[in-house]
Amino acid sequence: MKKSIALVTGAAQGIGLACAEALLEQGHFVILSDINADLVKAASQKLGKQTDFVGCDMSDPKAINSMFDEIETKHGGISVLVNNAGIAMPKPFFETSVEDFRKVIDINLVGVFLAIQRAAKSMIANKIEGAIVNMSSINAVVAIPTIASYCASKGGVMQLTKATSLALAPHGIRVNAVGPGSIDTEMMAGVNANPEAMKMVMSRTPLQRIGLPREIGDVVAFLASPKASYITGETIYVDGGRLGMNYTC
């Protein structure tokens, strides 16, 4: 039986690494990708022999194509793609340069588009009815003024997920997204260290705690599995109830 190969971008740490762990436990051979080649190599070695790693800058179209070429030459076509790589670059709105804005969009949205397109072409060529899971955010729906580019990129990921799910449905390829709320990652480190900031986050989180990376990884693994075989074009928000909270709560 041919092994199922899953590719996770931004997998050296945090949510990406948790996704890789969950998919590995599901029986996939997992390829971890990250711009930090040394860190992703170490992560792969820690997870064991049913993994491999590749360095890739998700803002570089040539690097994305080279990554897929390398994987296909070495392992064959992938069955699962998890588009997790992303950056935020928080800064006051009027201090955000167009270069900063474009950098976030290039990685968080354009890179996702290119990876979906390239992965889907491979899946179709290899007659693989695969699964693609994109990392969106609650900030696809709500917003924070200091991360305008991030909000725009994640809103784009939500719509890109819907559009590509329609394009790829005739080929049996499912495309979904996960929208995390406040998760205990490097991106949250500044908030974790600031009691006032944490108090504000908790005021908007009904479950009264931040989430764990593995709680995102498990939802990603579910969407990549046959248990989600009739789900496509959806974004599942894993946010401790935050999006459902009205001001009266």
C-alpha atoms as a PDB file:
ATOM      1  CA  MET A   1       0.000   0.000   0.000  1.00  0.00           C
ATOM      2  CA  LYS A   2       1.364   3.410  -1.003  1.00  0.00           C
ATOM      3  CA  LYS A   3       2.178   5.635   1.947  1.00  0.00           C
ATOM      4  CA  SER A   4       0.195   8.831   2.417  1.00  0.00           C
ATOM      5  CA  ILE A   5       2.489  11.844   2.348  1.00  0.00           C
ATOM      6  CA  ALA A   6       1.589  15.054   4.166  1.00  0.00           C
ATOM      7  CA  LEU A   7       3.407  18.366   3.754  1.00  0.00           C
ATOM      8  CA  VAL A   8       3.206  20.983   6.506  1.00  0.00           C
ATOM      9  CA  THR A   9       4.646  24.462   5.912  1.00  0.00           C
ATOM     10  CA  GLY A  10       5.911  26.591   8.778  1.00  0.00           C
ATOM     11  CA  ALA A  11       6.426  23.352  10.681  1.00  0.00           C
ATOM     12  CA  ALA A  12       9.565  24.033  12.709  1.00  0.00           C
ATOM     13  CA  GLN A  13       7.634  25.057  15.818  1.00  0.00           C
ATOM     14  CA  GLY A  14       4.274  26.067  17.257  1.00  0.00           C
ATOM     15  CA  ILE A  15       1.087  25.221  15.402  1.00  0.00           C
ATOM     16  CA  GLY A  16       2.920  23.821  12.367  1.00  0.00           C
ATOM     17  CA  LEU A  17       4.885  21.361  14.480  1.00  0.00           C
ATOM     18  CA  ALA A  18       1.710  20.353  16.321  1.00  0.00           C
ATOM     19  CA  CYS A  19       0.030  19.693  12.961  1.00  0.00           C
ATOM     20  CA  ALA A  20       2.965  17.515  11.924  1.00  0.00           C
ATOM     21  CA  GLU A  21       2.733  15.540  15.173  1.00  0.00           C
ATOM     22  CA  ALA A  22      -1.015  14.977  14.766  1.00  0.00           C
ATOM     23  CA  LEU A  23      -0.674  13.865  11.139  1.00  0.00           C
ATOM     24  CA  LEU A  24       2.207  11.556  12.051  1.00  0.00           C
ATOM     25  CA  GLU A  25       0.023   9.875  14.672  1.00  0.00           C
ATOM     26  CA  GLN A  26      -2.649   9.466  11.985  1.00  0.00           C
ATOM     27  CA  GLY A  27      -0.231   7.339   9.965  1.00  0.00           C
ATOM     28  CA  HIS A  28       1.001   9.832   7.386  1.00  0.00           C
ATOM     29  CA  PHE A  29       4.618  10.204   6.345  1.00  0.00           C
ATOM     30  CA  VAL A  30       5.113  13.883   7.179  1.00  0.00           C
ATOM     31  CA  ILE A  31       7.390  16.362   5.442  1.00  0.00           C
ATOM     32  CA  LEU A  32       8.105  19.448   7.520  1.00  0.00           C
ATOM     33  CA  SER A  33       8.912  22.676   5.683  1.00  0.00           C
ATOM     34  CA  ASP A  34      10.123  25.975   7.099  1.00  0.00           C
ATOM     35  CA  ILE A  35      12.227  28.987   6.143  1.00  0.00           C
ATOM     36  CA  ASN A  36      14.483  28.116   9.103  1.00  0.00           C
ATOM     37  CA  ALA A  37      16.208  25.048   7.653  1.00  0.00           C
ATOM     38  CA  ASP A  38      18.215  24.246  10.797  1.00  0.00           C
ATOM     39  CA  LEU A  39      15.197  24.450  13.096  1.00  0.00           C
ATOM     40  CA  VAL A  40      12.972  22.352  10.827  1.00  0.00           C
ATOM     41  CA  LYS A  41      15.711  19.745  10.451  1.00  0.00           C
ATOM     42  CA  ALA A  42      15.901  19.434  14.231  1.00  0.00           C
ATOM     43  CA  ALA A  43      12.111  19.162  14.471  1.00  0.00           C
ATOM     44  CA  SER A  44      12.047  16.401  11.863  1.00  0.00           C
ATOM     45  CA  GLN A  45      14.813  14.473  13.584  1.00  0.00           C
ATOM     46  CA  LYS A  46      12.962  14.730  16.897  1.00  0.00           C
ATOM     47  CA  LEU A  47       9.756  13.335  15.375  1.00  0.00           C
ATOM     48  CA  GLY A  48      11.539  10.345  13.878  1.00  0.00           C
ATOM     49  CA  LYS A  49      12.081   8.353  10.734  1.00  0.00           C
ATOM     50  CA  GLN A  50       8.558   8.709   9.349  1.00  0.00           C
ATOM     51  CA  THR A  51       9.324  12.344   8.583  1.00  0.00           C
ATOM     52  CA  ASP A  52      11.548  14.404   6.334  1.00  0.00           C
ATOM     53  CA  PHE A  53      12.250  18.122   6.043  1.00  0.00           C
ATOM     54  CA  VAL A  54      12.853  20.806   3.457  1.00  0.00           C
ATOM     55  CA  GLY A  55      13.725  24.493   3.739  1.00  0.00           C
ATOM     56  CA  CYS A  56      11.462  26.898   1.859  1.00  0.00           C
ATOM     57  CA  ASP A  57      10.723  30.623   1.755  1.00  0.00           C
ATOM     58  CA  MET A  58       6.969  30.753   1.140  1.00  0.00           C
ATOM     59  CA  SER A  59       7.242  34.288  -0.263  1.00  0.00           C
ATOM     60  CA  ASP A  60       9.354  33.003  -3.181  1.00  0.00           C
ATOM     61  CA  PRO A  61       7.426  31.317  -6.038  1.00  0.00           C
ATOM     62  CA  LYS A  62      10.575  29.632  -7.355  1.00  0.00           C
ATOM     63  CA  ALA A  63      11.358  28.216  -3.908  1.00  0.00           C
ATOM     64  CA  ILE A  64       7.821  26.836  -3.604  1.00  0.00           C
ATOM     65  CA  ASN A  65       8.063  25.068  -6.955  1.00  0.00           C
ATOM     66  CA  SER A  66      11.523  23.744  -6.074  1.00  0.00           C
ATOM     67  CA  MET A  67      10.169  22.403  -2.776  1.00  0.00           C
ATOM     68  CA  PHE A  68       7.456  20.417  -4.539  1.00  0.00           C
ATOM     69  CA  ASP A  69       9.910  19.183  -7.187  1.00  0.00           C
ATOM     70  CA  GLU A  70      12.263  17.952  -4.459  1.00  0.00           C
ATOM     71  CA  ILE A  71       9.470  16.212  -2.546  1.00  0.00           C
ATOM     72  CA  GLU A  72       8.027  14.538  -5.634  1.00  0.00           C
ATOM     73  CA  THR A  73      11.436  13.333  -6.796  1.00  0.00           C
ATOM     74  CA  LYS A  74      12.257  11.897  -3.393  1.00  0.00           C
ATOM     75  CA  HIS A  75       8.872  10.697  -2.102  1.00  0.00           C
ATOM     76  CA  GLY A  76       6.238  10.975  -4.818  1.00  0.00           C
ATOM     77  CA  GLY A  77       3.028  13.007  -4.809  1.00  0.00           C
ATOM     78  CA  ILE A  78       1.573  14.328  -1.578  1.00  0.00           C
ATOM     79  CA  SER A  79      -1.907  13.455  -0.292  1.00  0.00           C
ATOM     80  CA  VAL A  80      -2.206  16.223   2.289  1.00  0.00           C
ATOM     81  CA  LEU A  81      -1.060  19.853   2.249  1.00  0.00           C
ATOM     82  CA  VAL A  82      -1.202  22.016   5.362  1.00  0.00           C
ATOM     83  CA  ASN A  83      -0.563  25.673   4.530  1.00  0.00           C
ATOM     84  CA  ASN A  84       0.528  26.900   7.941  1.00  0.00           C
ATOM     85  CA  ALA A  85       3.478  29.248   7.296  1.00  0.00           C
ATOM     86  CA  GLY A  86       2.657  32.835   8.162  1.00  0.00           C
ATOM     87  CA  ILE A  87       3.838  36.068   9.767  1.00  0.00           C
ATOM     88  CA  ALA A  88       2.110  39.033  11.441  1.00  0.00           C
ATOM     89  CA  MET A  89       4.567  41.982  11.674  1.00  0.00           C
ATOM     90  CA  PRO A  90       2.452  44.082  14.096  1.00  0.00           C
ATOM     91  CA  LYS A  91       2.902  47.834  13.818  1.00  0.00           C
ATOM     92  CA  PRO A  92       0.680  50.926  14.222  1.00  0.00           C
ATOM     93  CA  PHE A  93      -1.415  51.403  11.079  1.00  0.00           C
ATOM     94  CA  PHE A  94       0.213  54.649   9.932  1.00  0.00           C
ATOM     95  CA  GLU A  95       3.678  53.204  10.510  1.00  0.00           C
ATOM     96  CA  THR A  96       3.046  50.148   8.346  1.00  0.00           C
ATOM     97  CA  SER A  97       4.997  50.469   5.111  1.00  0.00           C
ATOM     98  CA  VAL A  98       3.806  49.085   1.799  1.00  0.00           C
ATOM     99  CA  GLU A  99       6.854  46.807   1.839  1.00  0.00           C
ATOM    100  CA  ASP A 100       5.781  45.339   5.194  1.00  0.00           C
ATOM    101  CA  PHE A 101       2.200  44.978   3.976  1.00  0.00           C
ATOM    102  CA  ARG A 102       3.305  43.155   0.832  1.00  0.00           C
ATOM    103  CA  LYS A 103       5.637  40.852   2.762  1.00  0.00           C
ATOM    104  CA  VAL A 104       2.775  39.618   4.941  1.00  0.00           C
ATOM    105  CA  ILE A 105       0.466  39.191   1.942  1.00  0.00           C
ATOM    106  CA  ASP A 106       3.175  37.404  -0.060  1.00  0.00           C
ATOM    107  CA  ILE A 107       3.742  34.779   2.627  1.00  0.00           C
ATOM    108  CA  ASN A 108       0.277  34.442   4.151  1.00  0.00           C
ATOM    109  CA  LEU A 109      -1.829  34.624   0.996  1.00  0.00           C
ATOM    110  CA  VAL A 110       0.153  34.474  -2.248  1.00  0.00           C
ATOM    111  CA  GLY A 111       2.304  31.630  -0.903  1.00  0.00           C
ATOM    112  CA  VAL A 112      -0.837  29.741   0.086  1.00  0.00           C
ATOM    113  CA  PHE A 113      -2.323  30.225  -3.385  1.00  0.00           C
ATOM    114  CA  LEU A 114       0.848  28.997  -5.096  1.00  0.00           C
ATOM    115  CA  ALA A 115       1.160  25.966  -2.826  1.00  0.00           C
ATOM    116  CA  ILE A 116      -2.485  24.994  -3.368  1.00  0.00           C
ATOM    117  CA  GLN A 117      -2.100  25.323  -7.124  1.00  0.00           C
ATOM    118  CA  ARG A 118       1.112  23.316  -7.255  1.00  0.00           C
ATOM    119  CA  ALA A 119      -0.100  20.620  -4.851  1.00  0.00           C
ATOM    120  CA  ALA A 120      -3.419  20.257  -6.676  1.00  0.00           C
ATOM    121  CA  LYS A 121      -1.720  19.824 -10.050  1.00  0.00           C
ATOM    122  CA  SER A 122       0.370  17.028  -8.559  1.00  0.00           C
ATOM    123  CA  MET A 123      -2.649  15.384  -6.905  1.00  0.00           C
ATOM    124  CA  ILE A 124      -4.591  15.424 -10.153  1.00  0.00           C
ATOM    125  CA  ALA A 125      -1.642  14.072 -12.155  1.00  0.00           C
ATOM    126  CA  ASN A 126      -1.200  11.261  -9.633  1.00  0.00           C
ATOM    127  CA  LYS A 127      -4.954  10.604  -9.323  1.00  0.00           C
ATOM    128  CA  ILE A 128      -4.865  11.429  -5.607  1.00  0.00           C
ATOM    129  CA  GLU A 129      -8.078  12.653  -4.014  1.00  0.00           C
ATOM    130  CA  GLY A 130      -6.206  14.710  -1.477  1.00  0.00           C
ATOM    131  CA  ALA A 131      -6.946  17.161   1.306  1.00  0.00           C
ATOM    132  CA  ILE A 132      -5.675  20.713   1.696  1.00  0.00           C
ATOM    133  CA  VAL A 133      -5.963  22.587   4.983  1.00  0.00           C
ATOM    134  CA  ASN A 134      -5.138  26.297   5.154  1.00  0.00           C
ATOM    135  CA  MET A 135      -4.378  28.237   8.324  1.00  0.00           C
ATOM    136  CA  SER A 136      -6.706  31.199   8.575  1.00  0.00           C
ATOM    137  CA  SER A 137      -7.489  33.056  11.818  1.00  0.00           C
ATOM    138  CA  ILE A 138     -10.340  34.607  13.754  1.00  0.00           C
ATOM    139  CA  ASN A 139      -8.839  37.808  12.315  1.00  0.00           C
ATOM    140  CA  ALA A 140     -10.370  36.816   9.001  1.00  0.00           C
ATOM    141  CA  VAL A 141     -13.636  37.913  10.621  1.00  0.00           C
ATOM    142  CA  VAL A 142     -12.704  40.326  13.409  1.00  0.00           C
ATOM    143  CA  ALA A 143      -9.803  42.778  13.266  1.00  0.00           C
ATOM    144  CA  ILE A 144      -6.956  44.438  15.161  1.00  0.00           C
ATOM    145  CA  PRO A 145      -5.674  47.771  13.792  1.00  0.00           C
ATOM    146  CA  THR A 146      -2.003  47.017  14.444  1.00  0.00           C
ATOM    147  CA  ILE A 147      -2.077  43.920  12.201  1.00  0.00           C
ATOM    148  CA  ALA A 148      -4.058  45.211   9.228  1.00  0.00           C
ATOM    149  CA  SER A 149      -1.981  43.225   6.725  1.00  0.00           C
ATOM    150  CA  TYR A 150      -2.408  40.034   8.741  1.00  0.00           C
ATOM    151  CA  CYS A 151      -6.180  40.547   8.933  1.00  0.00           C
ATOM    152  CA  ALA A 152      -6.336  41.176   5.192  1.00  0.00           C
ATOM    153  CA  SER A 153      -4.247  38.083   4.454  1.00  0.00           C
ATOM    154  CA  LYS A 154      -6.339  35.790   6.659  1.00  0.00           C
ATOM    155  CA  GLY A 155      -9.587  37.125   5.225  1.00  0.00           C
ATOM    156  CA  GLY A 156      -8.078  36.335   1.843  1.00  0.00           C
ATOM    157  CA  VAL A 157      -7.224  32.806   2.984  1.00  0.00           C
ATOM    158  CA  MET A 158     -10.839  32.273   4.038  1.00  0.00           C
ATOM    159  CA  GLN A 159     -12.117  33.280   0.592  1.00  0.00           C
ATOM    160  CA  LEU A 160      -9.303  31.479  -1.229  1.00  0.00           C
ATOM    161  CA  THR A 161     -10.319  28.338   0.644  1.00  0.00           C
ATOM    162  CA  LYS A 162     -13.877  28.656  -0.643  1.00  0.00           C
ATOM    163  CA  ALA A 163     -12.847  29.440  -4.218  1.00  0.00           C
ATOM    164  CA  THR A 164     -10.293  26.644  -4.501  1.00  0.00           C
ATOM    165  CA  SER A 165     -12.666  24.143  -2.900  1.00  0.00           C
ATOM    166  CA  LEU A 166     -15.048  24.783  -5.805  1.00  0.00           C
ATOM    167  CA  ALA A 167     -12.278  24.556  -8.391  1.00  0.00           C
ATOM    168  CA  LEU A 168     -10.921  21.292  -7.011  1.00  0.00           C
ATOM    169  CA  ALA A 169     -14.128  19.504  -5.988  1.00  0.00           C
ATOM    170  CA  PRO A 170     -14.525  17.857  -9.436  1.00  0.00           C
ATOM    171  CA  HIS A 171     -11.163  16.180  -8.804  1.00  0.00           C
ATOM    172  CA  GLY A 172     -12.139  14.879  -5.365  1.00  0.00           C
ATOM    173  CA  ILE A 173      -9.733  17.285  -3.626  1.00  0.00           C
ATOM    174  CA  ARG A 174     -11.093  18.893  -0.490  1.00  0.00           C
ATOM    175  CA  VAL A 175      -9.957  22.349   0.697  1.00  0.00           C
ATOM    176  CA  ASN A 176     -10.740  23.610   4.189  1.00  0.00           C
ATOM    177  CA  ALA A 177      -9.267  26.030   6.711  1.00  0.00           C
ATOM    178  CA  VAL A 178      -8.781  26.351  10.443  1.00  0.00           C
ATOM    179  CA  GLY A 179      -9.101  29.719  12.175  1.00  0.00           C
ATOM    180  CA  PRO A 180      -7.262  29.769  15.506  1.00  0.00           C
ATOM    181  CA  GLY A 181      -8.023  32.216  18.265  1.00  0.00           C
ATOM    182  CA  SER A 182      -5.427  32.988  20.940  1.00  0.00           C
ATOM    183  CA  ILE A 183      -2.986  30.053  20.928  1.00  0.00           C
ATOM    184  CA  ASP A 184       0.102  29.533  23.105  1.00  0.00           C
ATOM    185  CA  THR A 185       2.770  30.135  20.439  1.00  0.00           C
ATOM    186  CA  GLU A 186       5.716  32.469  19.866  1.00  0.00           C
ATOM    187  CA  MET A 187       3.264  34.961  18.343  1.00  0.00           C
ATOM    188  CA  MET A 188       1.469  35.114  21.712  1.00  0.00           C
ATOM    189  CA  ALA A 189       4.634  35.388  23.812  1.00  0.00           C
ATOM    190  CA  GLY A 190       4.333  39.150  24.316  1.00  0.00           C
ATOM    191  CA  VAL A 191       0.720  38.845  25.437  1.00  0.00           C
ATOM    192  CA  ASN A 192       1.518  35.962  27.792  1.00  0.00           C
ATOM    193  CA  ALA A 193       4.147  38.098  29.532  1.00  0.00           C
ATOM    194  CA  ASN A 194       1.826  41.087  29.960  1.00  0.00           C
ATOM    195  CA  PRO A 195      -0.880  40.651  32.656  1.00  0.00           C
ATOM    196  CA  GLU A 196      -2.973  43.543  31.320  1.00  0.00           C
ATOM    197  CA  ALA A 197      -2.845  42.223  27.763  1.00  0.00           C
ATOM    198  CA  MET A 198      -3.744  38.733  28.984  1.00  0.00           C
ATOM    199  CA  LYS A 199      -6.649  40.163  30.982  1.00  0.00           C
ATOM    200  CA  MET A 200      -7.966  41.760  27.798  1.00  0.00           C
ATOM    201  CA  VAL A 201      -7.653  38.481  25.868  1.00  0.00           C
ATOM    202  CA  MET A 202      -9.469  36.576  28.618  1.00  0.00           C
ATOM    203  CA  SER A 203     -12.263  39.155  28.618  1.00  0.00           C
ATOM    204  CA  ARG A 204     -12.967  38.079  25.033  1.00  0.00           C
ATOM    205  CA  THR A 205     -12.503  34.319  25.557  1.00  0.00           C
ATOM    206  CA  PRO A 206     -15.493  32.492  27.087  1.00  0.00           C
ATOM    207  CA  LEU A 207     -13.462  29.370  27.928  1.00  0.00           C
ATOM    208  CA  GLN A 208     -11.082  31.607  29.929  1.00  0.00           C
ATOM    209  CA  ARG A 209      -7.800  30.175  28.678  1.00  0.00           C
ATOM    210  CA  ILE A 210      -5.582  30.348  25.638  1.00  0.00           C
ATOM    211  CA  GLY A 211      -5.515  27.344  23.343  1.00  0.00           C
ATOM    212  CA  LEU A 212      -2.720  24.850  22.820  1.00  0.00           C
ATOM    213  CA  PRO A 213      -1.017  24.274  19.450  1.00  0.00           C
ATOM    214  CA  ARG A 214      -2.044  20.621  19.541  1.00  0.00           C
ATOM    215  CA  GLU A 215      -5.707  21.645  19.786  1.00  0.00           C
ATOM    216  CA  ILE A 216      -5.252  23.220  16.362  1.00  0.00           C
ATOM    217  CA  GLY A 217      -3.214  20.274  15.083  1.00  0.00           C
ATOM    218  CA  ASP A 218      -5.955  17.816  15.983  1.00  0.00           C
ATOM    219  CA  VAL A 219      -8.572  19.784  14.019  1.00  0.00           C
ATOM    220  CA  VAL A 220      -6.218  19.984  11.042  1.00  0.00           C
ATOM    221  CA  ALA A 221      -5.653  16.213  11.223  1.00  0.00           C
ATOM    222  CA  PHE A 222      -9.419  15.655  11.343  1.00  0.00           C
ATOM    223  CA  LEU A 223      -9.983  17.799   8.239  1.00  0.00           C
ATOM    224  CA  ALA A 224      -7.243  15.860   6.452  1.00  0.00           C
ATOM    225  CA  SER A 225      -8.807  12.510   7.345  1.00  0.00           C
ATOM    226  CA  PRO A 226     -11.574  10.409   5.773  1.00  0.00           C
ATOM    227  CA  LYS A 227     -13.763  11.390   8.744  1.00  0.00           C
ATOM    228  CA  ALA A 228     -14.116  14.801   7.083  1.00  0.00           C
ATOM    229  CA  SER A 229     -14.791  13.344   3.634  1.00  0.00           C
ATOM    230  CA  TYR A 230     -17.941  15.436   3.043  1.00  0.00           C
ATOM    231  CA  ILE A 231     -16.500  18.731   4.294  1.00  0.00           C
ATOM    232  CA  THR A 232     -15.001  21.218   1.840  1.00  0.00           C
ATOM    233  CA  GLY A 233     -14.828  24.993   1.548  1.00  0.00           C
ATOM    234  CA  GLU A 234     -15.267  25.475   5.299  1.00  0.00           C
ATOM    235  CA  THR A 235     -13.310  27.349   7.953  1.00  0.00           C
ATOM    236  CA  ILE A 236     -13.489  25.880  11.451  1.00  0.00           C
ATOM    237  CA  TYR A 237     -12.751  28.444  14.149  1.00  0.00           C
ATOM    238  CA  VAL A 238     -10.940  27.063  17.181  1.00  0.00           C
ATOM    239  CA  ASP A 239     -11.130  30.066  19.481  1.00  0.00           C
ATOM    240  CA  GLY A 240     -12.560  29.159  22.882  1.00  0.00           C
ATOM    241  CA  GLY A 241     -15.887  30.748  21.925  1.00  0.00           C
ATOM    242  CA  ARG A 242     -14.482  34.166  21.082  1.00  0.00           C
ATOM    243  CA  LEU A 243     -16.304  34.826  17.811  1.00  0.00           C
ATOM    244  CA  GLY A 244     -19.662  33.959  19.350  1.00  0.00           C
ATOM    245  CA  MET A 245     -19.357  36.507  22.160  1.00  0.00           C
ATOM    246  CA  ASN A 246     -21.676  39.497  22.098  1.00  0.00           C
ATOM    247  CA  TYR A 247     -21.036  42.619  24.175  1.00  0.00           C
ATOM    248  CA  THR A 248     -23.751  41.514  26.588  1.00  0.00           C
ATOM    249  CA  CYS A 249     -21.751  38.454  27.752  1.00  0.00           C
END
